Amino acid sequence: VFTWEFLRERLLEDLDNEASSHDFGNDMI
């Protein structure tokens, strides 16, 4: 569970992160 405002910022950061595997469990959490 996130606030949409907080998650939205994190999603935009992840889109531009070439080192990310783009996964909640591996990266964002």
mmCIF file of all heavy atoms, coordinates in Angstrom:
data_MODEL
# 
_entry.id   MODEL 
# 
loop_
_atom_site.group_PDB 
_atom_site.id 
_atom_site.type_symbol 
_atom_site.label_atom_id 
_atom_site.label_alt_id 
_atom_site.label_comp_id 
_atom_site.label_asym_id 
_atom_site.label_entity_id 
_atom_site.label_seq_id 
_atom_site.pdbx_PDB_ins_code 
_atom_site.Cartn_x 
_atom_site.Cartn_y 
_atom_site.Cartn_z 
_atom_site.occupancy 
_atom_site.B_iso_or_equiv 
_atom_site.pdbx_formal_charge 
_atom_site.auth_seq_id 
_atom_site.auth_comp_id 
_atom_site.auth_asym_id 
_atom_site.auth_atom_id 
_atom_site.pdbx_PDB_model_num 
ATOM 1   N N   . VAL A 1 1  ? 0.850  -1.187 0.000   1.00 0.00 ? 1  VAL A N   1 
ATOM 2   C CA  . VAL A 1 1  ? 0.000  0.000  0.000   1.00 0.00 ? 1  VAL A CA  1 
ATOM 3   C C   . VAL A 1 1  ? 0.887  1.239  0.000   1.00 0.00 ? 1  VAL A C   1 
ATOM 4   O O   . VAL A 1 1  ? 1.835  1.336  0.794   1.00 0.00 ? 1  VAL A O   1 
ATOM 5   C CB  . VAL A 1 1  ? -0.947 0.020  1.226   1.00 0.00 ? 1  VAL A CB  1 
ATOM 6   C CG1 . VAL A 1 1  ? -1.742 1.330  1.252   1.00 0.00 ? 1  VAL A CG1 1 
ATOM 7   C CG2 . VAL A 1 1  ? -1.891 -1.171 1.199   1.00 0.00 ? 1  VAL A CG2 1 
ATOM 8   N N   . PHE A 1 2  ? 0.588  2.158  -0.912  1.00 0.00 ? 2  PHE A N   1 
ATOM 9   C CA  . PHE A 1 2  ? 1.277  3.447  -1.002  1.00 0.00 ? 2  PHE A CA  1 
ATOM 10  C C   . PHE A 1 2  ? 0.238  4.555  -1.111  1.00 0.00 ? 2  PHE A C   1 
ATOM 11  O O   . PHE A 1 2  ? -0.900 4.315  -1.534  1.00 0.00 ? 2  PHE A O   1 
ATOM 12  C CB  . PHE A 1 2  ? 2.138  3.538  -2.274  1.00 0.00 ? 2  PHE A CB  1 
ATOM 13  C CG  . PHE A 1 2  ? 3.193  2.497  -2.456  1.00 0.00 ? 2  PHE A CG  1 
ATOM 14  C CD1 . PHE A 1 2  ? 2.898  1.286  -3.082  1.00 0.00 ? 2  PHE A CD1 1 
ATOM 15  C CD2 . PHE A 1 2  ? 4.492  2.734  -2.056  1.00 0.00 ? 2  PHE A CD2 1 
ATOM 16  C CE1 . PHE A 1 2  ? 3.877  0.335  -3.296  1.00 0.00 ? 2  PHE A CE1 1 
ATOM 17  C CE2 . PHE A 1 2  ? 5.491  1.786  -2.265  1.00 0.00 ? 2  PHE A CE2 1 
ATOM 18  C CZ  . PHE A 1 2  ? 5.172  0.581  -2.880  1.00 0.00 ? 2  PHE A CZ  1 
ATOM 19  N N   . THR A 1 3  ? 0.649  5.786  -0.795  1.00 0.00 ? 3  THR A N   1 
ATOM 20  C CA  . THR A 1 3  ? -0.098 6.919  -1.331  1.00 0.00 ? 3  THR A CA  1 
ATOM 21  C C   . THR A 1 3  ? 0.304  7.043  -2.797  1.00 0.00 ? 3  THR A C   1 
ATOM 22  O O   . THR A 1 3  ? 1.461  6.767  -3.162  1.00 0.00 ? 3  THR A O   1 
ATOM 23  C CB  . THR A 1 3  ? 0.230  8.235  -0.601  1.00 0.00 ? 3  THR A CB  1 
ATOM 24  O OG1 . THR A 1 3  ? 1.615  8.558  -0.798  1.00 0.00 ? 3  THR A OG1 1 
ATOM 25  C CG2 . THR A 1 3  ? -0.069 8.118  0.895   1.00 0.00 ? 3  THR A CG2 1 
ATOM 26  N N   . TRP A 1 4  ? -0.634 7.429  -3.646  1.00 0.00 ? 4  TRP A N   1 
ATOM 27  C CA  . TRP A 1 4  ? -0.315 7.517  -5.065  1.00 0.00 ? 4  TRP A CA  1 
ATOM 28  C C   . TRP A 1 4  ? 0.735  8.594  -5.315  1.00 0.00 ? 4  TRP A C   1 
ATOM 29  O O   . TRP A 1 4  ? 1.628  8.422  -6.152  1.00 0.00 ? 4  TRP A O   1 
ATOM 30  C CB  . TRP A 1 4  ? -1.565 7.784  -5.878  1.00 0.00 ? 4  TRP A CB  1 
ATOM 31  C CG  . TRP A 1 4  ? -1.289 8.058  -7.331  1.00 0.00 ? 4  TRP A CG  1 
ATOM 32  C CD1 . TRP A 1 4  ? -1.661 9.138  -8.066  1.00 0.00 ? 4  TRP A CD1 1 
ATOM 33  C CD2 . TRP A 1 4  ? -0.562 7.201  -8.225  1.00 0.00 ? 4  TRP A CD2 1 
ATOM 34  N NE1 . TRP A 1 4  ? -1.207 9.020  -9.359  1.00 0.00 ? 4  TRP A NE1 1 
ATOM 35  C CE2 . TRP A 1 4  ? -0.524 7.839  -9.488  1.00 0.00 ? 4  TRP A CE2 1 
ATOM 36  C CE3 . TRP A 1 4  ? 0.087  5.971  -8.085  1.00 0.00 ? 4  TRP A CE3 1 
ATOM 37  C CZ2 . TRP A 1 4  ? 0.118  7.294  -10.593 1.00 0.00 ? 4  TRP A CZ2 1 
ATOM 38  C CZ3 . TRP A 1 4  ? 0.731  5.417  -9.192  1.00 0.00 ? 4  TRP A CZ3 1 
ATOM 39  C CH2 . TRP A 1 4  ? 0.743  6.082  -10.425 1.00 0.00 ? 4  TRP A CH2 1 
ATOM 40  N N   . GLU A 1 5  ? 0.684  9.674  -4.585  1.00 0.00 ? 5  GLU A N   1 
ATOM 41  C CA  . GLU A 1 5  ? 1.664  10.748 -4.774  1.00 0.00 ? 5  GLU A CA  1 
ATOM 42  C C   . GLU A 1 5  ? 3.084  10.250 -4.527  1.00 0.00 ? 5  GLU A C   1 
ATOM 43  O O   . GLU A 1 5  ? 4.001  10.517 -5.312  1.00 0.00 ? 5  GLU A O   1 
ATOM 44  C CB  . GLU A 1 5  ? 1.344  11.912 -3.827  1.00 0.00 ? 5  GLU A CB  1 
ATOM 45  C CG  . GLU A 1 5  ? 2.284  13.097 -3.964  1.00 0.00 ? 5  GLU A CG  1 
ATOM 46  C CD  . GLU A 1 5  ? 1.959  14.215 -2.986  1.00 0.00 ? 5  GLU A CD  1 
ATOM 47  O OE1 . GLU A 1 5  ? 1.132  13.989 -2.073  1.00 0.00 ? 5  GLU A OE1 1 
ATOM 48  O OE2 . GLU A 1 5  ? 2.523  15.313 -3.138  1.00 0.00 ? 5  GLU A OE2 1 
ATOM 49  N N   . PHE A 1 6  ? 3.276  9.483  -3.445  1.00 0.00 ? 6  PHE A N   1 
ATOM 50  C CA  . PHE A 1 6  ? 4.614  8.965  -3.133  1.00 0.00 ? 6  PHE A CA  1 
ATOM 51  C C   . PHE A 1 6  ? 5.063  7.947  -4.176  1.00 0.00 ? 6  PHE A C   1 
ATOM 52  O O   . PHE A 1 6  ? 6.180  8.010  -4.692  1.00 0.00 ? 6  PHE A O   1 
ATOM 53  C CB  . PHE A 1 6  ? 4.608  8.331  -1.742  1.00 0.00 ? 6  PHE A CB  1 
ATOM 54  C CG  . PHE A 1 6  ? 5.903  7.655  -1.374  1.00 0.00 ? 6  PHE A CG  1 
ATOM 55  C CD1 . PHE A 1 6  ? 6.935  8.374  -0.810  1.00 0.00 ? 6  PHE A CD1 1 
ATOM 56  C CD2 . PHE A 1 6  ? 6.089  6.283  -1.608  1.00 0.00 ? 6  PHE A CD2 1 
ATOM 57  C CE1 . PHE A 1 6  ? 8.144  7.760  -0.483  1.00 0.00 ? 6  PHE A CE1 1 
ATOM 58  C CE2 . PHE A 1 6  ? 7.285  5.661  -1.287  1.00 0.00 ? 6  PHE A CE2 1 
ATOM 59  C CZ  . PHE A 1 6  ? 8.318  6.401  -0.723  1.00 0.00 ? 6  PHE A CZ  1 
ATOM 60  N N   . LEU A 1 7  ? 4.181  6.988  -4.506  1.00 0.00 ? 7  LEU A N   1 
ATOM 61  C CA  . LEU A 1 7  ? 4.574  5.951  -5.448  1.00 0.00 ? 7  LEU A CA  1 
ATOM 62  C C   . LEU A 1 7  ? 4.856  6.534  -6.823  1.00 0.00 ? 7  LEU A C   1 
ATOM 63  O O   . LEU A 1 7  ? 5.789  6.101  -7.512  1.00 0.00 ? 7  LEU A O   1 
ATOM 64  C CB  . LEU A 1 7  ? 3.469  4.892  -5.543  1.00 0.00 ? 7  LEU A CB  1 
ATOM 65  C CG  . LEU A 1 7  ? 3.746  3.749  -6.530  1.00 0.00 ? 7  LEU A CG  1 
ATOM 66  C CD1 . LEU A 1 7  ? 5.022  2.995  -6.159  1.00 0.00 ? 7  LEU A CD1 1 
ATOM 67  C CD2 . LEU A 1 7  ? 2.562  2.794  -6.613  1.00 0.00 ? 7  LEU A CD2 1 
ATOM 68  N N   . ARG A 1 8  ? 4.098  7.512  -7.229  1.00 0.00 ? 8  ARG A N   1 
ATOM 69  C CA  . ARG A 1 8  ? 4.280  8.110  -8.559  1.00 0.00 ? 8  ARG A CA  1 
ATOM 70  C C   . ARG A 1 8  ? 5.700  8.628  -8.734  1.00 0.00 ? 8  ARG A C   1 
ATOM 71  O O   . ARG A 1 8  ? 6.330  8.422  -9.786  1.00 0.00 ? 8  ARG A O   1 
ATOM 72  C CB  . ARG A 1 8  ? 3.260  9.229  -8.760  1.00 0.00 ? 8  ARG A CB  1 
ATOM 73  C CG  . ARG A 1 8  ? 3.140  9.739  -10.182 1.00 0.00 ? 8  ARG A CG  1 
ATOM 74  C CD  . ARG A 1 8  ? 2.123  10.866 -10.267 1.00 0.00 ? 8  ARG A CD  1 
ATOM 75  N NE  . ARG A 1 8  ? 1.785  11.180 -11.643 1.00 0.00 ? 8  ARG A NE  1 
ATOM 76  C CZ  . ARG A 1 8  ? 2.547  11.924 -12.453 1.00 0.00 ? 8  ARG A CZ  1 
ATOM 77  N NH1 . ARG A 1 8  ? 3.693  12.439 -12.009 1.00 0.00 ? 8  ARG A NH1 1 
ATOM 78  N NH2 . ARG A 1 8  ? 2.161  12.142 -13.703 1.00 0.00 ? 8  ARG A NH2 1 
ATOM 79  N N   . GLU A 1 9  ? 6.224  9.303  -7.708  1.00 0.00 ? 9  GLU A N   1 
ATOM 80  C CA  . GLU A 1 9  ? 7.591  9.825  -7.780  1.00 0.00 ? 9  GLU A CA  1 
ATOM 81  C C   . GLU A 1 9  ? 8.605  8.694  -7.902  1.00 0.00 ? 9  GLU A C   1 
ATOM 82  O O   . GLU A 1 9  ? 9.566  8.768  -8.673  1.00 0.00 ? 9  GLU A O   1 
ATOM 83  C CB  . GLU A 1 9  ? 7.891  10.677 -6.550  1.00 0.00 ? 9  GLU A CB  1 
ATOM 84  C CG  . GLU A 1 9  ? 7.082  11.968 -6.477  1.00 0.00 ? 9  GLU A CG  1 
ATOM 85  C CD  . GLU A 1 9  ? 7.403  12.759 -5.219  1.00 0.00 ? 9  GLU A CD  1 
ATOM 86  O OE1 . GLU A 1 9  ? 8.330  12.338 -4.485  1.00 0.00 ? 9  GLU A OE1 1 
ATOM 87  O OE2 . GLU A 1 9  ? 6.737  13.782 -4.977  1.00 0.00 ? 9  GLU A OE2 1 
ATOM 88  N N   . ARG A 1 10 ? 8.387  7.626  -7.116  1.00 0.00 ? 10 ARG A N   1 
ATOM 89  C CA  . ARG A 1 10 ? 9.327  6.493  -7.164  1.00 0.00 ? 10 ARG A CA  1 
ATOM 90  C C   . ARG A 1 10 ? 9.280  5.796  -8.529  1.00 0.00 ? 10 ARG A C   1 
ATOM 91  O O   . ARG A 1 10 ? 10.302 5.324  -9.031  1.00 0.00 ? 10 ARG A O   1 
ATOM 92  C CB  . ARG A 1 10 ? 8.981  5.465  -6.071  1.00 0.00 ? 10 ARG A CB  1 
ATOM 93  C CG  . ARG A 1 10 ? 8.929  6.000  -4.659  1.00 0.00 ? 10 ARG A CG  1 
ATOM 94  C CD  . ARG A 1 10 ? 10.302 6.331  -4.082  1.00 0.00 ? 10 ARG A CD  1 
ATOM 95  N NE  . ARG A 1 10 ? 10.742 7.659  -4.433  1.00 0.00 ? 10 ARG A NE  1 
ATOM 96  C CZ  . ARG A 1 10 ? 10.241 8.787  -3.914  1.00 0.00 ? 10 ARG A CZ  1 
ATOM 97  N NH1 . ARG A 1 10 ? 9.239  8.752  -3.040  1.00 0.00 ? 10 ARG A NH1 1 
ATOM 98  N NH2 . ARG A 1 10 ? 10.717 9.958  -4.257  1.00 0.00 ? 10 ARG A NH2 1 
ATOM 99  N N   . LEU A 1 11 ? 8.106  5.719  -9.128  1.00 0.00 ? 11 LEU A N   1 
ATOM 100 C CA  . LEU A 1 11 ? 7.968  5.072  -10.434 1.00 0.00 ? 11 LEU A CA  1 
ATOM 101 C C   . LEU A 1 11 ? 8.730  5.842  -11.510 1.00 0.00 ? 11 LEU A C   1 
ATOM 102 O O   . LEU A 1 11 ? 9.399  5.242  -12.362 1.00 0.00 ? 11 LEU A O   1 
ATOM 103 C CB  . LEU A 1 11 ? 6.495  4.967  -10.827 1.00 0.00 ? 11 LEU A CB  1 
ATOM 104 C CG  . LEU A 1 11 ? 5.607  4.055  -9.967  1.00 0.00 ? 11 LEU A CG  1 
ATOM 105 C CD1 . LEU A 1 11 ? 4.156  4.178  -10.402 1.00 0.00 ? 11 LEU A CD1 1 
ATOM 106 C CD2 . LEU A 1 11 ? 6.068  2.606  -10.041 1.00 0.00 ? 11 LEU A CD2 1 
ATOM 107 N N   . LEU A 1 12 ? 8.634  7.161  -11.483 1.00 0.00 ? 12 LEU A N   1 
ATOM 108 C CA  . LEU A 1 12 ? 9.340  7.980  -12.472 1.00 0.00 ? 12 LEU A CA  1 
ATOM 109 C C   . LEU A 1 12 ? 10.851 7.826  -12.315 1.00 0.00 ? 12 LEU A C   1 
ATOM 110 O O   . LEU A 1 12 ? 11.587 7.774  -13.309 1.00 0.00 ? 12 LEU A O   1 
ATOM 111 C CB  . LEU A 1 12 ? 8.928  9.442  -12.325 1.00 0.00 ? 12 LEU A CB  1 
ATOM 112 C CG  . LEU A 1 12 ? 7.475  9.763  -12.717 1.00 0.00 ? 12 LEU A CG  1 
ATOM 113 C CD1 . LEU A 1 12 ? 7.129  11.200 -12.366 1.00 0.00 ? 12 LEU A CD1 1 
ATOM 114 C CD2 . LEU A 1 12 ? 7.243  9.496  -14.207 1.00 0.00 ? 12 LEU A CD2 1 
ATOM 115 N N   . GLU A 1 13 ? 11.308 7.727  -11.076 1.00 0.00 ? 13 GLU A N   1 
ATOM 116 C CA  . GLU A 1 13 ? 12.739 7.502  -10.838 1.00 0.00 ? 13 GLU A CA  1 
ATOM 117 C C   . GLU A 1 13 ? 13.172 6.149  -11.394 1.00 0.00 ? 13 GLU A C   1 
ATOM 118 O O   . GLU A 1 13 ? 14.237 6.008  -12.001 1.00 0.00 ? 13 GLU A O   1 
ATOM 119 C CB  . GLU A 1 13 ? 13.042 7.579  -9.339  1.00 0.00 ? 13 GLU A CB  1 
ATOM 120 C CG  . GLU A 1 13 ? 12.863 8.959  -8.732  1.00 0.00 ? 13 GLU A CG  1 
ATOM 121 C CD  . GLU A 1 13 ? 12.996 8.945  -7.217  1.00 0.00 ? 13 GLU A CD  1 
ATOM 122 O OE1 . GLU A 1 13 ? 13.260 7.849  -6.656  1.00 0.00 ? 13 GLU A OE1 1 
ATOM 123 O OE2 . GLU A 1 13 ? 12.835 10.010 -6.587  1.00 0.00 ? 13 GLU A OE2 1 
ATOM 124 N N   . ASP A 1 14 ? 12.320 5.129  -11.192 1.00 0.00 ? 14 ASP A N   1 
ATOM 125 C CA  . ASP A 1 14 ? 12.677 3.781  -11.633 1.00 0.00 ? 14 ASP A CA  1 
ATOM 126 C C   . ASP A 1 14 ? 12.710 3.676  -13.154 1.00 0.00 ? 14 ASP A C   1 
ATOM 127 O O   . ASP A 1 14 ? 13.537 2.946  -13.712 1.00 0.00 ? 14 ASP A O   1 
ATOM 128 C CB  . ASP A 1 14 ? 11.678 2.771  -11.060 1.00 0.00 ? 14 ASP A CB  1 
ATOM 129 C CG  . ASP A 1 14 ? 12.052 1.333  -11.369 1.00 0.00 ? 14 ASP A CG  1 
ATOM 130 O OD1 . ASP A 1 14 ? 12.874 0.767  -10.637 1.00 0.00 ? 14 ASP A OD1 1 
ATOM 131 O OD2 . ASP A 1 14 ? 11.521 0.790  -12.368 1.00 0.00 ? 14 ASP A OD2 1 
ATOM 132 N N   . LEU A 1 15 ? 11.827 4.381  -13.837 1.00 0.00 ? 15 LEU A N   1 
ATOM 133 C CA  . LEU A 1 15 ? 11.802 4.335  -15.300 1.00 0.00 ? 15 LEU A CA  1 
ATOM 134 C C   . LEU A 1 15 ? 13.136 4.746  -15.902 1.00 0.00 ? 15 LEU A C   1 
ATOM 135 O O   . LEU A 1 15 ? 13.572 4.213  -16.929 1.00 0.00 ? 15 LEU A O   1 
ATOM 136 C CB  . LEU A 1 15 ? 10.692 5.241  -15.841 1.00 0.00 ? 15 LEU A CB  1 
ATOM 137 C CG  . LEU A 1 15 ? 9.281  4.683  -15.907 1.00 0.00 ? 15 LEU A CG  1 
ATOM 138 C CD1 . LEU A 1 15 ? 8.298  5.773  -16.312 1.00 0.00 ? 15 LEU A CD1 1 
ATOM 139 C CD2 . LEU A 1 15 ? 9.198  3.515  -16.896 1.00 0.00 ? 15 LEU A CD2 1 
ATOM 140 N N   . ASP A 1 16 ? 13.815 5.688  -15.262 1.00 0.00 ? 16 ASP A N   1 
ATOM 141 C CA  . ASP A 1 16 ? 15.074 6.214  -15.787 1.00 0.00 ? 16 ASP A CA  1 
ATOM 142 C C   . ASP A 1 16 ? 16.298 5.508  -15.226 1.00 0.00 ? 16 ASP A C   1 
ATOM 143 O O   . ASP A 1 16 ? 17.431 5.871  -15.566 1.00 0.00 ? 16 ASP A O   1 
ATOM 144 C CB  . ASP A 1 16 ? 15.176 7.712  -15.477 1.00 0.00 ? 16 ASP A CB  1 
ATOM 145 C CG  . ASP A 1 16 ? 14.093 8.525  -16.166 1.00 0.00 ? 16 ASP A CG  1 
ATOM 146 O OD1 . ASP A 1 16 ? 13.651 8.102  -17.256 1.00 0.00 ? 16 ASP A OD1 1 
ATOM 147 O OD2 . ASP A 1 16 ? 13.678 9.562  -15.617 1.00 0.00 ? 16 ASP A OD2 1 
ATOM 148 N N   . ASN A 1 17 ? 16.089 4.516  -14.375 1.00 0.00 ? 17 ASN A N   1 
ATOM 149 C CA  . ASN A 1 17 ? 17.203 3.831  -13.722 1.00 0.00 ? 17 ASN A CA  1 
ATOM 150 C C   . ASN A 1 17 ? 17.549 2.567  -14.508 1.00 0.00 ? 17 ASN A C   1 
ATOM 151 O O   . ASN A 1 17 ? 16.873 1.548  -14.406 1.00 0.00 ? 17 ASN A O   1 
ATOM 152 C CB  . ASN A 1 17 ? 16.828 3.478  -12.282 1.00 0.00 ? 17 ASN A CB  1 
ATOM 153 C CG  . ASN A 1 17 ? 17.988 2.863  -11.515 1.00 0.00 ? 17 ASN A CG  1 
ATOM 154 O OD1 . ASN A 1 17 ? 19.067 2.627  -12.069 1.00 0.00 ? 17 ASN A OD1 1 
ATOM 155 N ND2 . ASN A 1 17 ? 17.764 2.589  -10.238 1.00 0.00 ? 17 ASN A ND2 1 
ATOM 156 N N   . GLU A 1 18 ? 18.611 2.612  -15.302 1.00 0.00 ? 18 GLU A N   1 
ATOM 157 C CA  . GLU A 1 18 ? 18.990 1.471  -16.136 1.00 0.00 ? 18 GLU A CA  1 
ATOM 158 C C   . GLU A 1 18 ? 19.517 0.306  -15.311 1.00 0.00 ? 18 GLU A C   1 
ATOM 159 O O   . GLU A 1 18 ? 19.527 -0.839 -15.777 1.00 0.00 ? 18 GLU A O   1 
ATOM 160 C CB  . GLU A 1 18 ? 20.042 1.897  -17.156 1.00 0.00 ? 18 GLU A CB  1 
ATOM 161 C CG  . GLU A 1 18 ? 19.532 2.916  -18.171 1.00 0.00 ? 18 GLU A CG  1 
ATOM 162 C CD  . GLU A 1 18 ? 20.583 3.268  -19.209 1.00 0.00 ? 18 GLU A CD  1 
ATOM 163 O OE1 . GLU A 1 18 ? 21.716 2.723  -19.104 1.00 0.00 ? 18 GLU A OE1 1 
ATOM 164 O OE2 . GLU A 1 18 ? 20.280 4.073  -20.112 1.00 0.00 ? 18 GLU A OE2 1 
ATOM 165 N N   . ALA A 1 19 ? 19.943 0.554  -14.067 1.00 0.00 ? 19 ALA A N   1 
ATOM 166 C CA  . ALA A 1 19 ? 20.463 -0.518 -13.215 1.00 0.00 ? 19 ALA A CA  1 
ATOM 167 C C   . ALA A 1 19 ? 19.353 -1.278 -12.502 1.00 0.00 ? 19 ALA A C   1 
ATOM 168 O O   . ALA A 1 19 ? 19.600 -2.329 -11.902 1.00 0.00 ? 19 ALA A O   1 
ATOM 169 C CB  . ALA A 1 19 ? 21.434 0.061  -12.188 1.00 0.00 ? 19 ALA A CB  1 
ATOM 170 N N   . SER A 1 20 ? 18.129 -0.769 -12.574 1.00 0.00 ? 20 SER A N   1 
ATOM 171 C CA  . SER A 1 20 ? 17.020 -1.393 -11.857 1.00 0.00 ? 20 SER A CA  1 
ATOM 172 C C   . SER A 1 20 ? 16.494 -2.610 -12.605 1.00 0.00 ? 20 SER A C   1 
ATOM 173 O O   . SER A 1 20 ? 16.483 -2.641 -13.844 1.00 0.00 ? 20 SER A O   1 
ATOM 174 C CB  . SER A 1 20 ? 15.881 -0.386 -11.664 1.00 0.00 ? 20 SER A CB  1 
ATOM 175 O OG  . SER A 1 20 ? 14.743 -1.004 -11.102 1.00 0.00 ? 20 SER A OG  1 
ATOM 176 N N   . SER A 1 21 ? 16.039 -3.613 -11.847 1.00 0.00 ? 21 SER A N   1 
ATOM 177 C CA  . SER A 1 21 ? 15.337 -4.748 -12.465 1.00 0.00 ? 21 SER A CA  1 
ATOM 178 C C   . SER A 1 21 ? 13.838 -4.492 -12.524 1.00 0.00 ? 21 SER A C   1 
ATOM 179 O O   . SER A 1 21 ? 13.076 -5.360 -12.940 1.00 0.00 ? 21 SER A O   1 
ATOM 180 C CB  . SER A 1 21 ? 15.619 -6.038 -11.684 1.00 0.00 ? 21 SER A CB  1 
ATOM 181 O OG  . SER A 1 21 ? 15.097 -5.959 -10.367 1.00 0.00 ? 21 SER A OG  1 
ATOM 182 N N   . HIS A 1 22 ? 13.416 -3.308 -12.057 1.00 0.00 ? 22 HIS A N   1 
ATOM 183 C CA  . HIS A 1 22 ? 12.025 -2.843 -12.156 1.00 0.00 ? 22 HIS A CA  1 
ATOM 184 C C   . HIS A 1 22 ? 11.069 -3.779 -11.415 1.00 0.00 ? 22 HIS A C   1 
ATOM 185 O O   . HIS A 1 22 ? 9.993  -4.118 -11.914 1.00 0.00 ? 22 HIS A O   1 
ATOM 186 C CB  . HIS A 1 22 ? 11.605 -2.675 -13.621 1.00 0.00 ? 22 HIS A CB  1 
ATOM 187 C CG  . HIS A 1 22 ? 12.584 -1.905 -14.443 1.00 0.00 ? 22 HIS A CG  1 
ATOM 188 N ND1 . HIS A 1 22 ? 12.773 -0.557 -14.277 1.00 0.00 ? 22 HIS A ND1 1 
ATOM 189 C CD2 . HIS A 1 22 ? 13.452 -2.309 -15.408 1.00 0.00 ? 22 HIS A CD2 1 
ATOM 190 C CE1 . HIS A 1 22 ? 13.716 -0.132 -15.124 1.00 0.00 ? 22 HIS A CE1 1 
ATOM 191 N NE2 . HIS A 1 22 ? 14.138 -1.189 -15.817 1.00 0.00 ? 22 HIS A NE2 1 
ATOM 192 N N   . ASP A 1 23 ? 11.473 -4.190 -10.229 1.00 0.00 ? 23 ASP A N   1 
ATOM 193 C CA  . ASP A 1 23 ? 10.685 -5.140 -9.444  1.00 0.00 ? 23 ASP A CA  1 
ATOM 194 C C   . ASP A 1 23 ? 10.490 -4.588 -8.030  1.00 0.00 ? 23 ASP A C   1 
ATOM 195 O O   . ASP A 1 23 ? 11.431 -4.048 -7.440  1.00 0.00 ? 23 ASP A O   1 
ATOM 196 C CB  . ASP A 1 23 ? 11.402 -6.490 -9.390  1.00 0.00 ? 23 ASP A CB  1 
ATOM 197 C CG  . ASP A 1 23 ? 10.596 -7.561 -8.696  1.00 0.00 ? 23 ASP A CG  1 
ATOM 198 O OD1 . ASP A 1 23 ? 9.723  -8.164 -9.342  1.00 0.00 ? 23 ASP A OD1 1 
ATOM 199 O OD2 . ASP A 1 23 ? 10.824 -7.788 -7.487  1.00 0.00 ? 23 ASP A OD2 1 
ATOM 200 N N   . PHE A 1 24 ? 9.278  -4.720 -7.505  1.00 0.00 ? 24 PHE A N   1 
ATOM 201 C CA  . PHE A 1 24 ? 9.018  -4.223 -6.152  1.00 0.00 ? 24 PHE A CA  1 
ATOM 202 C C   . PHE A 1 24 ? 9.887  -4.934 -5.117  1.00 0.00 ? 24 PHE A C   1 
ATOM 203 O O   . PHE A 1 24 ? 10.522 -4.297 -4.281  1.00 0.00 ? 24 PHE A O   1 
ATOM 204 C CB  . PHE A 1 24 ? 7.534  -4.397 -5.794  1.00 0.00 ? 24 PHE A CB  1 
ATOM 205 C CG  . PHE A 1 24 ? 6.640  -3.351 -6.377  1.00 0.00 ? 24 PHE A CG  1 
ATOM 206 C CD1 . PHE A 1 24 ? 5.822  -3.641 -7.466  1.00 0.00 ? 24 PHE A CD1 1 
ATOM 207 C CD2 . PHE A 1 24 ? 6.598  -2.067 -5.853  1.00 0.00 ? 24 PHE A CD2 1 
ATOM 208 C CE1 . PHE A 1 24 ? 4.995  -2.679 -8.015  1.00 0.00 ? 24 PHE A CE1 1 
ATOM 209 C CE2 . PHE A 1 24 ? 5.777  -1.090 -6.394  1.00 0.00 ? 24 PHE A CE2 1 
ATOM 210 C CZ  . PHE A 1 24 ? 4.973  -1.397 -7.483  1.00 0.00 ? 24 PHE A CZ  1 
ATOM 211 N N   . GLY A 1 25 ? 9.915  -6.257 -5.157  1.00 0.00 ? 25 GLY A N   1 
ATOM 212 C CA  . GLY A 1 25 ? 10.644 -7.010 -4.146  1.00 0.00 ? 25 GLY A CA  1 
ATOM 213 C C   . GLY A 1 25 ? 12.150 -6.869 -4.231  1.00 0.00 ? 25 GLY A C   1 
ATOM 214 O O   . GLY A 1 25 ? 12.837 -6.851 -3.206  1.00 0.00 ? 25 GLY A O   1 
ATOM 215 N N   . ASN A 1 26 ? 12.669 -6.738 -5.447  1.00 0.00 ? 26 ASN A N   1 
ATOM 216 C CA  . ASN A 1 26 ? 14.123 -6.664 -5.624  1.00 0.00 ? 26 ASN A CA  1 
ATOM 217 C C   . ASN A 1 26 ? 14.674 -5.257 -5.480  1.00 0.00 ? 26 ASN A C   1 
ATOM 218 O O   . ASN A 1 26 ? 15.818 -5.081 -5.044  1.00 0.00 ? 26 ASN A O   1 
ATOM 219 C CB  . ASN A 1 26 ? 14.516 -7.203 -7.008  1.00 0.00 ? 26 ASN A CB  1 
ATOM 220 C CG  . ASN A 1 26 ? 14.349 -8.695 -7.110  1.00 0.00 ? 26 ASN A CG  1 
ATOM 221 O OD1 . ASN A 1 26 ? 14.359 -9.405 -6.109  1.00 0.00 ? 26 ASN A OD1 1 
ATOM 222 N ND2 . ASN A 1 26 ? 14.180 -9.188 -8.332  1.00 0.00 ? 26 ASN A ND2 1 
ATOM 223 N N   . ASP A 1 27 ? 13.900 -4.246 -5.872  1.00 0.00 ? 27 ASP A N   1 
ATOM 224 C CA  . ASP A 1 27 ? 14.435 -2.890 -5.969  1.00 0.00 ? 27 ASP A CA  1 
ATOM 225 C C   . ASP A 1 27 ? 13.740 -1.893 -5.046  1.00 0.00 ? 27 ASP A C   1 
ATOM 226 O O   . ASP A 1 27 ? 14.349 -1.355 -4.119  1.00 0.00 ? 27 ASP A O   1 
ATOM 227 C CB  . ASP A 1 27 ? 14.335 -2.395 -7.427  1.00 0.00 ? 27 ASP A CB  1 
ATOM 228 C CG  . ASP A 1 27 ? 15.047 -3.319 -8.396  1.00 0.00 ? 27 ASP A CG  1 
ATOM 229 O OD1 . ASP A 1 27 ? 16.266 -3.442 -8.297  1.00 0.00 ? 27 ASP A OD1 1 
ATOM 230 O OD2 . ASP A 1 27 ? 14.355 -3.922 -9.235  1.00 0.00 ? 27 ASP A OD2 1 
ATOM 231 N N   . MET A 1 28 ? 12.446 -1.662 -5.291  1.00 0.00 ? 28 MET A N   1 
ATOM 232 C CA  . MET A 1 28 ? 11.789 -0.540 -4.638  1.00 0.00 ? 28 MET A CA  1 
ATOM 233 C C   . MET A 1 28 ? 11.612 -0.736 -3.140  1.00 0.00 ? 28 MET A C   1 
ATOM 234 O O   . MET A 1 28 ? 11.925 0.162  -2.339  1.00 0.00 ? 28 MET A O   1 
ATOM 235 C CB  . MET A 1 28 ? 10.434 -0.247 -5.297  1.00 0.00 ? 28 MET A CB  1 
ATOM 236 C CG  . MET A 1 28 ? 9.758  0.998  -4.725  1.00 0.00 ? 28 MET A CG  1 
ATOM 237 S SD  . MET A 1 28 ? 8.240  1.457  -5.574  1.00 0.00 ? 28 MET A SD  1 
ATOM 238 C CE  . MET A 1 28 ? 8.883  2.019  -7.154  1.00 0.00 ? 28 MET A CE  1 
ATOM 239 N N   . ILE A 1 29 ? 11.112 -1.889 -2.721  1.00 0.00 ? 29 ILE A N   1 
ATOM 240 C CA  . ILE A 1 29 ? 10.844 -2.088 -1.286  1.00 0.00 ? 29 ILE A CA  1 
ATOM 241 C C   . ILE A 1 29 ? 12.139 -2.050 -0.469  1.00 0.00 ? 29 ILE A C   1 
ATOM 242 O O   . ILE A 1 29 ? 12.200 -1.345 0.554   1.00 0.00 ? 29 ILE A O   1 
ATOM 243 C CB  . ILE A 1 29 ? 10.060 -3.388 -1.049  1.00 0.00 ? 29 ILE A CB  1 
ATOM 244 C CG1 . ILE A 1 29 ? 8.742  -3.370 -1.835  1.00 0.00 ? 29 ILE A CG1 1 
ATOM 245 C CG2 . ILE A 1 29 ? 9.790  -3.579 0.452   1.00 0.00 ? 29 ILE A CG2 1 
ATOM 246 C CD1 . ILE A 1 29 ? 7.842  -2.191 -1.537  1.00 0.00 ? 29 ILE A CD1 1 
# 
